[in-house]
N, C-alpha and C. Protein backbone atom coordinates (compact mmCIF):
# COMPACT_ATOMS: atom_id res chain seq x y z
N UNK A 1 0.63 -1.33 0.18
CA UNK A 1 0.22 0.20 -0.12
C UNK A 1 0.88 1.40 0.08
N UNK A 2 0.73 2.14 -0.82
CA UNK A 2 1.44 3.41 -1.21
C UNK A 2 1.45 3.73 0.31
N UNK A 3 1.98 4.48 0.75
CA UNK A 3 2.45 5.79 0.98
C UNK A 3 1.52 7.38 1.13
N UNK A 4 0.85 7.63 1.95
CA UNK A 4 -0.16 8.75 1.28
C UNK A 4 0.43 10.09 1.85
N UNK A 5 1.88 10.04 2.73
CA UNK A 5 2.38 10.91 2.94
C UNK A 5 3.84 11.02 2.60
N UNK A 6 3.85 10.76 1.53
CA UNK A 6 5.79 9.81 1.01
C UNK A 6 5.89 11.28 0.33
N UNK A 7 5.02 12.13 -0.57
CA UNK A 7 5.99 13.26 -0.88
C UNK A 7 5.89 14.16 0.33
N UNK A 8 5.32 14.80 1.14
CA UNK A 8 5.30 15.57 1.88
C UNK A 8 7.04 15.06 2.58
N UNK A 9 7.41 13.39 3.18
CA UNK A 9 7.96 13.36 3.68
C UNK A 9 9.35 13.76 2.64
N UNK A 10 9.35 13.41 1.57
CA UNK A 10 10.40 13.87 0.96
C UNK A 10 10.99 15.45 0.74
N UNK A 11 10.01 16.24 0.88
CA UNK A 11 9.85 18.02 1.13
C UNK A 11 10.40 17.83 2.67
N UNK A 12 10.15 17.23 3.75
CA UNK A 12 10.74 17.79 5.16
C UNK A 12 12.34 17.43 4.70
N UNK A 13 12.92 16.15 4.28
CA UNK A 13 14.13 15.81 4.32
C UNK A 13 14.78 16.81 3.03
N UNK A 14 14.17 17.34 1.79
CA UNK A 14 14.94 18.23 1.21
C UNK A 14 15.01 19.25 1.75
N UNK A 15 14.13 19.77 2.60
CA UNK A 15 14.11 21.26 3.28
C UNK A 15 15.63 21.11 4.58
N UNK A 16 15.55 20.60 5.14
CA UNK A 16 16.82 20.00 6.02
C UNK A 16 17.58 20.44 5.06
N UNK A 17 18.09 19.74 3.78
CA UNK A 17 18.73 19.83 3.23
C UNK A 17 19.76 20.90 2.76
N UNK A 18 18.17 21.22 2.75
CA UNK A 18 18.07 22.78 1.59
C UNK A 18 18.94 23.51 3.09
N UNK A 19 17.90 23.95 4.09
CA UNK A 19 18.60 24.67 5.31
C UNK A 19 20.08 24.74 5.29
N UNK A 20 20.62 23.22 5.46
CA UNK A 20 22.28 22.89 5.72
C UNK A 20 22.99 23.17 4.74
N UNK A 21 22.52 23.83 3.72
CA UNK A 21 23.18 24.23 2.30
C UNK A 21 24.43 23.00 1.86
N UNK A 22 23.68 21.90 1.88
CA UNK A 22 24.58 20.79 1.51
C UNK A 22 24.44 20.78 -0.08
N UNK A 23 25.61 20.17 -1.18
CA UNK A 23 25.89 20.49 -2.20
C UNK A 23 24.43 19.29 -2.61
N UNK A 24 24.29 19.32 -3.63
CA UNK A 24 23.37 18.43 -4.09
C UNK A 24 24.10 17.12 -4.91
N UNK A 25 24.96 16.56 -5.16
CA UNK A 25 25.88 15.82 -5.22
C UNK A 25 26.71 15.25 -4.22
N UNK A 26 26.44 15.83 -3.06
CA UNK A 26 27.12 15.02 -1.75
C UNK A 26 26.85 13.61 -1.67
N UNK A 27 28.41 13.12 -1.32
CA UNK A 27 28.04 11.15 -1.74
C UNK A 27 28.72 10.64 -0.29
N UNK A 28 29.58 12.02 0.78
CA UNK A 28 29.95 11.34 1.82
C UNK A 28 29.40 10.77 2.84
N UNK A 29 29.59 9.56 2.73
CA UNK A 29 28.55 8.47 3.86
C UNK A 29 28.12 9.54 5.33
N UNK A 30 28.67 9.90 6.00
CA UNK A 30 28.99 10.89 7.32
C UNK A 30 28.16 12.06 7.11
N UNK A 31 28.25 12.58 5.82
CA UNK A 31 27.40 13.49 6.26
C UNK A 31 25.39 13.24 5.51
N UNK A 32 25.50 12.22 5.09
CA UNK A 32 24.47 11.81 4.50
C UNK A 32 23.62 11.18 6.07
N UNK A 33 24.55 10.50 6.46
CA UNK A 33 23.98 9.86 8.20
C UNK A 33 22.64 10.20 8.45
N UNK A 34 22.87 12.06 9.08
CA UNK A 34 22.11 12.34 9.77
C UNK A 34 20.89 12.57 8.96
N UNK A 35 20.75 12.83 7.26
CA UNK A 35 19.14 12.06 6.86
C UNK A 35 18.69 11.42 7.07
N UNK A 36 19.54 10.50 6.74
CA UNK A 36 19.08 8.71 7.04
C UNK A 36 18.51 8.38 8.69
N UNK A 37 19.80 9.36 9.19
CA UNK A 37 18.60 9.21 10.69
C UNK A 37 17.44 10.22 10.98
N UNK A 38 17.92 11.38 10.37
CA UNK A 38 15.62 12.19 10.48
C UNK A 38 15.19 11.09 10.21
N UNK A 39 15.24 10.99 9.10
CA UNK A 39 14.61 9.57 8.27
C UNK A 39 13.77 8.71 9.13
N UNK A 40 15.26 8.09 9.68
CA UNK A 40 14.28 6.92 10.72
C UNK A 40 13.74 7.33 11.70
N UNK A 41 14.16 8.30 12.50
CA UNK A 41 13.46 8.83 13.59
C UNK A 41 12.14 9.10 13.09
N UNK A 42 11.89 10.13 12.94
CA UNK A 42 10.79 10.79 12.45
C UNK A 42 9.29 10.49 11.51
N UNK A 43 9.99 9.47 10.89
CA UNK A 43 9.14 8.94 10.06
C UNK A 43 8.20 7.41 11.05
N UNK A 44 9.49 7.08 11.50
CA UNK A 44 9.48 5.90 11.75
C UNK A 44 10.02 4.11 11.15
N UNK A 45 10.84 4.96 9.73
CA UNK A 45 10.76 3.31 9.05
C UNK A 45 12.24 2.97 9.19
N UNK A 46 13.05 2.12 8.73
CA UNK A 46 13.69 1.52 8.48
C UNK A 46 14.74 2.27 7.64
N UNK A 47 16.56 1.16 7.73
CA UNK A 47 17.48 2.19 7.05
C UNK A 47 17.18 2.36 5.56
N UNK A 48 16.57 1.08 4.92
CA UNK A 48 16.21 0.83 2.45
C UNK A 48 15.40 2.17 3.05
N UNK A 49 14.87 2.19 3.92
CA UNK A 49 13.53 3.49 3.16
C UNK A 49 14.01 4.30 3.45
N UNK A 50 14.57 5.28 4.66
CA UNK A 50 15.19 6.02 5.02
C UNK A 50 16.04 6.43 4.28
N UNK A 51 17.01 5.79 3.33
CA UNK A 51 17.85 5.69 1.95
C UNK A 51 17.17 6.17 0.66
N UNK A 52 16.26 6.17 0.46
CA UNK A 52 15.32 5.64 -0.73
C UNK A 52 14.61 6.97 -0.35
N UNK A 53 14.33 7.24 0.48
CA UNK A 53 13.61 8.45 0.93
C UNK A 53 14.69 9.86 0.37
N UNK A 54 15.83 9.66 1.25
CA UNK A 54 16.85 10.33 0.96
C UNK A 54 17.51 11.13 -0.26
N UNK A 55 17.09 10.09 -1.15
CA UNK A 55 18.26 9.94 -2.26
C UNK A 55 16.88 10.68 -3.55
N UNK A 56 15.62 10.50 -2.59
CA UNK A 56 14.93 10.27 -3.46
C UNK A 56 14.92 12.77 -3.77
N UNK A 57 14.44 12.99 -2.27
CA UNK A 57 14.41 14.34 -1.56
C UNK A 57 15.93 15.12 -2.48
N UNK A 58 16.91 14.11 -2.47
CA UNK A 58 18.32 15.28 -3.19
C UNK A 58 17.86 15.21 -5.03
N UNK A 59 16.99 14.02 -5.28
CA UNK A 59 16.46 14.35 -6.50
C UNK A 59 15.63 15.04 -7.15
N UNK A 60 14.79 15.56 -5.42
CA UNK A 60 13.79 16.16 -6.20
C UNK A 60 14.19 17.82 -5.97
N UNK A 61 15.14 18.70 -5.15
CA UNK A 61 16.08 19.17 -5.37
C UNK A 61 16.82 19.77 -6.25
N UNK A 62 17.51 18.86 -6.98
CA UNK A 62 17.78 18.64 -8.05
C UNK A 62 17.02 19.15 -9.36
N UNK A 63 15.91 18.14 -10.02
CA UNK A 63 14.83 18.75 -10.70
C UNK A 63 14.39 20.36 -10.43
N UNK A 64 14.31 20.71 -8.80
CA UNK A 64 14.17 22.26 -8.67
C UNK A 64 15.03 23.05 -9.28
N UNK A 65 15.96 22.69 -9.21
CA UNK A 65 17.80 23.43 -9.58
C UNK A 65 17.53 23.69 -10.79
N UNK A 66 16.84 22.39 -11.84
CA UNK A 66 17.31 22.55 -13.34
C UNK A 66 16.48 23.13 -14.03
N UNK A 67 15.13 23.94 -13.33
CA UNK A 67 14.94 24.45 -14.32
C UNK A 67 14.20 24.09 -15.62
N UNK A 68 14.64 24.58 -16.86
CA UNK A 68 13.57 24.38 -17.77
C UNK A 68 14.65 23.20 -18.69
N UNK A 69 15.02 22.28 -18.29
CA UNK A 69 15.10 20.82 -18.36
C UNK A 69 14.63 19.71 -19.25
N UNK A 70 15.13 19.34 -20.28
CA UNK A 70 13.93 18.14 -20.77
C UNK A 70 15.02 16.71 -20.03
N UNK A 71 13.88 16.05 -19.19
CA UNK A 71 14.30 14.96 -18.08
C UNK A 71 14.86 13.78 -19.50
N UNK A 72 13.70 13.60 -20.23
CA UNK A 72 14.42 12.61 -20.96
C UNK A 72 15.60 12.74 -22.27
N UNK A 73 16.05 14.06 -22.07
CA UNK A 73 16.69 14.03 -22.91
C UNK A 73 17.94 13.75 -22.16
N UNK A 74 17.73 14.78 -20.94
CA UNK A 74 19.37 15.24 -20.36
C UNK A 74 18.98 14.06 -18.85
N UNK A 75 18.68 12.95 -18.76
CA UNK A 75 18.23 12.10 -17.61
C UNK A 75 19.51 12.00 -17.15
N UNK A 76 20.86 11.82 -17.68
CA UNK A 76 21.87 11.54 -17.07
C UNK A 76 22.90 12.44 -15.96
N UNK A 77 22.23 13.78 -16.06
CA UNK A 77 22.52 14.74 -15.42
C UNK A 77 22.55 14.43 -14.06
N UNK A 78 20.59 13.55 -13.97
CA UNK A 78 20.17 13.33 -12.94
C UNK A 78 20.37 11.95 -12.34
N UNK A 79 20.93 11.22 -12.72
CA UNK A 79 21.13 9.46 -12.37
C UNK A 79 20.24 9.08 -12.94
N UNK A 80 19.59 9.31 -13.65
CA UNK A 80 18.29 8.41 -14.37
C UNK A 80 18.42 7.92 -15.12
N UNK A 81 19.26 8.21 -16.18
CA UNK A 81 19.92 6.99 -17.26
C UNK A 81 18.53 7.09 -18.31
N UNK A 82 18.17 8.01 -18.52
CA UNK A 82 16.81 7.53 -19.69
C UNK A 82 17.26 7.40 -20.85
N UNK A 83 17.32 6.70 -21.80
CA UNK A 83 17.40 6.70 -23.12
C UNK A 83 16.06 6.83 -24.19
């Protein structure tokens, strides 16, 4: 069953990322741990779900910053790999 609050969870994590001024291409596991822990404790979810939400939050922010980009044509910029 889909989570009806999924989008709001992503927005909450994205807001925290924005407030912390984290680069959207951050890969340091120690820096990302803060957001995984936030998701796990705030939403009472497991590790895998937390990682997924945090990744979606970063993607959400990247898409917001992209402006008028055709995702199907330039999906590789976002790790989407569309062809």
